[in-house]
Amino acid sequence: MKLILNYNPHALAKKVIEKEIEKFGLEFSYTNCGQIEFLNKINKEVYENLKLNLLEYGIYVQENQQEQLIQRIKDVIDDFIFSEENYNYTTSHYISDKLNLSYNYISNIFSEMTMTTLQFYIILKKIDRAKTMLLSGEYKLNEISYKLNYSSVSHLSAQFKKITGLTASQFEKIVSKRNISLTNN
């Protein structure tokens, strides 16, 4: 028997972080996307051990200010893409509002630090989410388009084809055949 899993990586990471912090008996609160504020003072040894524990899960503590901003940008994008809410405004407007910075500034610093454009990164994340949603079999393309805040199904389809080399319907057929094959084995 095989399990095909669909999960929210942001929620998963949040749960791991909470469990690791609780191991040290530390009190904390989330101050923003991907930011934690400790409510009590922690010593350097505990801090270093916590960093090592989180690193085992591939979770890095960002200590450089520019790296922190890039991580905050990525977290805000994940929040937007994985949100159950449907926003009536653009991804760029959402990011700018959440970070309280101009989109041009955010875009420029992101490109400078990651060597890719913010717009391309957002498209990649949206298409990755669309693939996951298609894999789950729970959503039709028009629902995915709506949930990911695309202006139309054709816009999503065009970006999907550009990124994956497949149309969304071709991808669905491949997934369907794979799922049938898996259930027959």
Protein backbone atom coordinates (compact mmCIF):
# COMPACT_ATOMS: atom_id res chain seq x y z
CA MET A 1 0.00 0.00 0.00
CA LYS A 2 1.24 3.48 -0.87
CA LEU A 3 0.14 6.81 0.55
CA ILE A 4 -0.05 9.86 -1.64
CA LEU A 5 0.37 12.82 0.68
CA ASN A 6 -0.77 16.38 0.28
CA TYR A 7 0.43 18.77 2.96
CA ASN A 8 1.10 22.41 3.63
CA PRO A 9 4.88 22.74 4.13
CA HIS A 10 4.45 26.05 5.95
CA ALA A 11 2.07 24.54 8.54
CA LEU A 12 4.34 21.50 8.89
CA ALA A 13 7.40 23.66 9.54
CA LYS A 14 5.45 25.75 12.06
CA LYS A 15 4.50 22.60 14.00
CA VAL A 16 8.11 21.34 14.04
CA ILE A 17 9.36 24.73 15.23
CA GLU A 18 6.77 24.84 18.02
CA LYS A 19 7.71 21.35 19.24
CA GLU A 20 11.43 22.12 19.18
CA ILE A 21 11.01 25.39 21.10
CA GLU A 22 8.74 23.69 23.65
CA LYS A 23 11.48 21.08 24.30
CA PHE A 24 13.52 23.90 25.83
CA GLY A 25 10.57 25.16 27.88
CA LEU A 26 10.65 28.52 26.16
CA GLU A 27 7.66 30.79 25.85
CA PHE A 28 7.21 32.48 22.49
CA SER A 29 4.78 34.12 20.15
CA TYR A 30 4.66 34.58 16.41
CA THR A 31 5.17 38.23 15.58
CA ASN A 32 4.89 37.93 11.80
CA CYS A 33 5.28 35.38 9.04
CA GLY A 34 8.27 33.25 9.99
CA GLN A 35 9.22 35.44 12.94
CA ILE A 36 9.23 34.34 16.54
CA GLU A 37 9.67 36.48 19.62
CA PHE A 38 10.84 34.79 22.79
CA LEU A 39 8.92 36.01 25.80
CA ASN A 40 11.69 35.09 28.20
CA LYS A 41 15.44 35.58 27.93
CA ILE A 42 17.36 32.65 26.48
CA ASN A 43 21.03 32.01 26.94
CA LYS A 44 23.48 31.50 24.08
CA GLU A 45 23.84 27.74 24.68
CA VAL A 46 20.09 27.15 24.46
CA TYR A 47 19.92 29.36 21.38
CA GLU A 48 22.70 27.43 19.63
CA ASN A 49 21.14 24.06 20.56
CA LEU A 50 17.75 25.20 19.27
CA LYS A 51 19.38 26.30 15.99
CA LEU A 52 21.03 22.87 15.65
CA ASN A 53 17.77 21.04 16.39
CA LEU A 54 15.91 23.07 13.78
CA LEU A 55 18.71 22.53 11.26
CA GLU A 56 18.07 18.77 11.47
CA TYR A 57 14.70 19.50 9.83
CA GLY A 58 16.21 21.83 7.24
CA ILE A 59 15.01 24.91 9.10
CA TYR A 60 17.61 27.67 9.19
CA VAL A 61 17.67 30.58 11.60
CA GLN A 62 18.34 33.67 9.51
CA GLU A 63 20.74 36.00 11.27
CA ASN A 64 21.69 38.36 8.42
CA GLN A 65 19.16 41.19 7.95
CA GLN A 66 18.92 40.78 4.18
CA GLU A 67 18.49 37.01 4.53
CA GLN A 68 15.80 37.66 7.13
CA LEU A 69 13.94 39.92 4.73
CA ILE A 70 14.17 37.36 1.91
CA GLN A 71 12.79 34.70 4.25
CA ARG A 72 9.98 37.01 5.34
CA ILE A 73 9.13 37.64 1.68
CA LYS A 74 9.04 33.90 0.98
CA ASP A 75 6.89 33.29 4.07
CA VAL A 76 4.40 35.99 3.04
CA ILE A 77 4.18 34.45 -0.44
CA ASP A 78 3.55 31.01 1.10
CA ASP A 79 0.87 32.47 3.36
CA PHE A 80 -0.82 34.02 0.35
CA ILE A 81 -0.62 30.88 -1.79
CA PHE A 82 -1.68 28.44 0.94
CA SER A 83 -4.37 30.68 2.41
CA GLU A 84 -7.94 29.47 2.42
CA GLU A 85 -9.08 33.07 2.00
CA ASN A 86 -9.69 34.47 -1.45
CA TYR A 87 -8.15 37.89 -1.82
CA ASN A 88 -9.54 40.57 -4.11
CA TYR A 89 -6.14 42.10 -4.76
CA THR A 90 -2.87 41.14 -6.38
CA THR A 91 -0.05 39.13 -4.87
CA SER A 92 2.22 42.17 -5.15
CA HIS A 93 -0.25 44.31 -3.19
CA TYR A 94 -0.57 41.59 -0.52
CA ILE A 95 3.22 41.26 -0.12
CA SER A 96 3.70 45.02 0.03
CA ASP A 97 0.95 45.40 2.67
CA LYS A 98 2.20 42.53 4.82
CA LEU A 99 5.79 43.74 4.85
CA ASN A 100 4.91 47.42 4.93
CA LEU A 101 7.46 48.08 2.18
CA SER A 102 7.13 49.21 -1.43
CA TYR A 103 6.81 46.38 -3.92
CA ASN A 104 9.64 47.86 -6.02
CA TYR A 105 12.00 47.74 -3.04
CA ILE A 106 10.94 44.18 -2.17
CA SER A 107 11.31 43.06 -5.78
CA ASN A 108 14.75 44.66 -6.18
CA ILE A 109 16.21 43.23 -2.97
CA PHE A 110 14.74 39.80 -3.75
CA SER A 111 16.31 39.76 -7.23
CA GLU A 112 19.63 40.98 -5.89
CA MET A 113 19.81 38.33 -3.16
CA THR A 114 18.33 35.31 -4.97
CA MET A 115 19.40 35.92 -8.57
CA THR A 116 15.82 35.43 -9.75
CA THR A 117 12.93 37.82 -10.06
CA LEU A 118 10.25 37.95 -7.42
CA GLN A 119 7.59 37.59 -10.10
CA PHE A 120 9.17 34.37 -11.42
CA TYR A 121 9.48 33.01 -7.87
CA ILE A 122 5.78 33.71 -7.23
CA ILE A 123 4.82 31.99 -10.49
CA LEU A 124 6.91 28.93 -9.58
CA LYS A 125 5.28 28.73 -6.14
CA LYS A 126 1.79 29.11 -7.59
CA ILE A 127 2.38 26.45 -10.24
CA ASP A 128 3.85 24.12 -7.61
CA ARG A 129 0.72 24.65 -5.51
CA ALA A 130 -1.48 24.12 -8.57
CA LYS A 131 0.26 20.80 -9.26
CA THR A 132 -0.28 19.72 -5.66
CA MET A 133 -3.95 20.67 -5.88
CA LEU A 134 -4.34 18.78 -9.16
CA LEU A 135 -2.59 15.76 -7.64
CA SER A 136 -5.05 15.72 -4.77
CA GLY A 137 -7.92 15.31 -7.21
CA GLU A 138 -10.08 17.59 -5.05
CA TYR A 139 -9.99 20.65 -7.30
CA LYS A 140 -10.86 21.51 -10.87
CA LEU A 141 -8.74 23.95 -12.80
CA ASN A 142 -11.24 26.80 -12.44
CA GLU A 143 -11.24 26.34 -8.64
CA ILE A 144 -7.45 26.32 -8.56
CA SER A 145 -7.33 29.45 -10.69
CA TYR A 146 -9.69 31.19 -8.28
CA LYS A 147 -7.87 29.99 -5.13
CA LEU A 148 -4.48 31.07 -6.48
CA ASN A 149 -5.84 34.50 -7.41
CA TYR A 150 -5.38 34.21 -11.16
CA SER A 151 -7.36 36.57 -13.35
CA SER A 152 -8.56 33.63 -15.47
CA VAL A 153 -8.15 29.91 -16.08
CA SER A 154 -6.37 30.69 -19.34
CA HIS A 155 -3.78 32.79 -17.47
CA LEU A 156 -3.10 29.91 -15.07
CA SER A 157 -3.00 27.45 -17.98
CA ALA A 158 -0.50 29.57 -19.91
CA GLN A 159 1.81 29.86 -16.92
CA PHE A 160 1.39 26.16 -16.12
CA LYS A 161 2.44 25.20 -19.66
CA LYS A 162 5.34 27.67 -19.65
CA ILE A 163 6.73 26.28 -16.38
CA THR A 164 6.00 22.55 -16.70
CA GLY A 165 5.98 22.09 -20.46
CA LEU A 166 2.57 20.44 -20.11
CA THR A 167 -0.92 21.79 -20.20
CA ALA A 168 -2.84 21.37 -16.97
CA SER A 169 -5.13 18.79 -18.65
CA GLN A 170 -2.10 16.80 -19.87
CA PHE A 171 -0.74 16.91 -16.33
CA GLU A 172 -4.11 15.74 -14.97
CA LYS A 173 -4.18 12.81 -17.43
CA ILE A 174 -0.68 11.74 -16.43
CA VAL A 175 -1.61 11.95 -12.75
CA SER A 176 -4.83 10.03 -13.35
CA LYS A 177 -2.97 7.25 -15.18
CA ARG A 178 -0.37 7.14 -12.42
CA ASN A 179 -3.04 6.91 -9.73
CA ILE A 180 -4.80 4.09 -11.58
CA SER A 181 -1.47 2.31 -11.95
CA LEU A 182 -0.71 2.73 -8.24
CA THR A 183 -4.09 1.38 -7.15
CA ASN A 184 -3.72 -1.63 -9.45
CA ASN A 185 -0.34 -2.57 -7.94
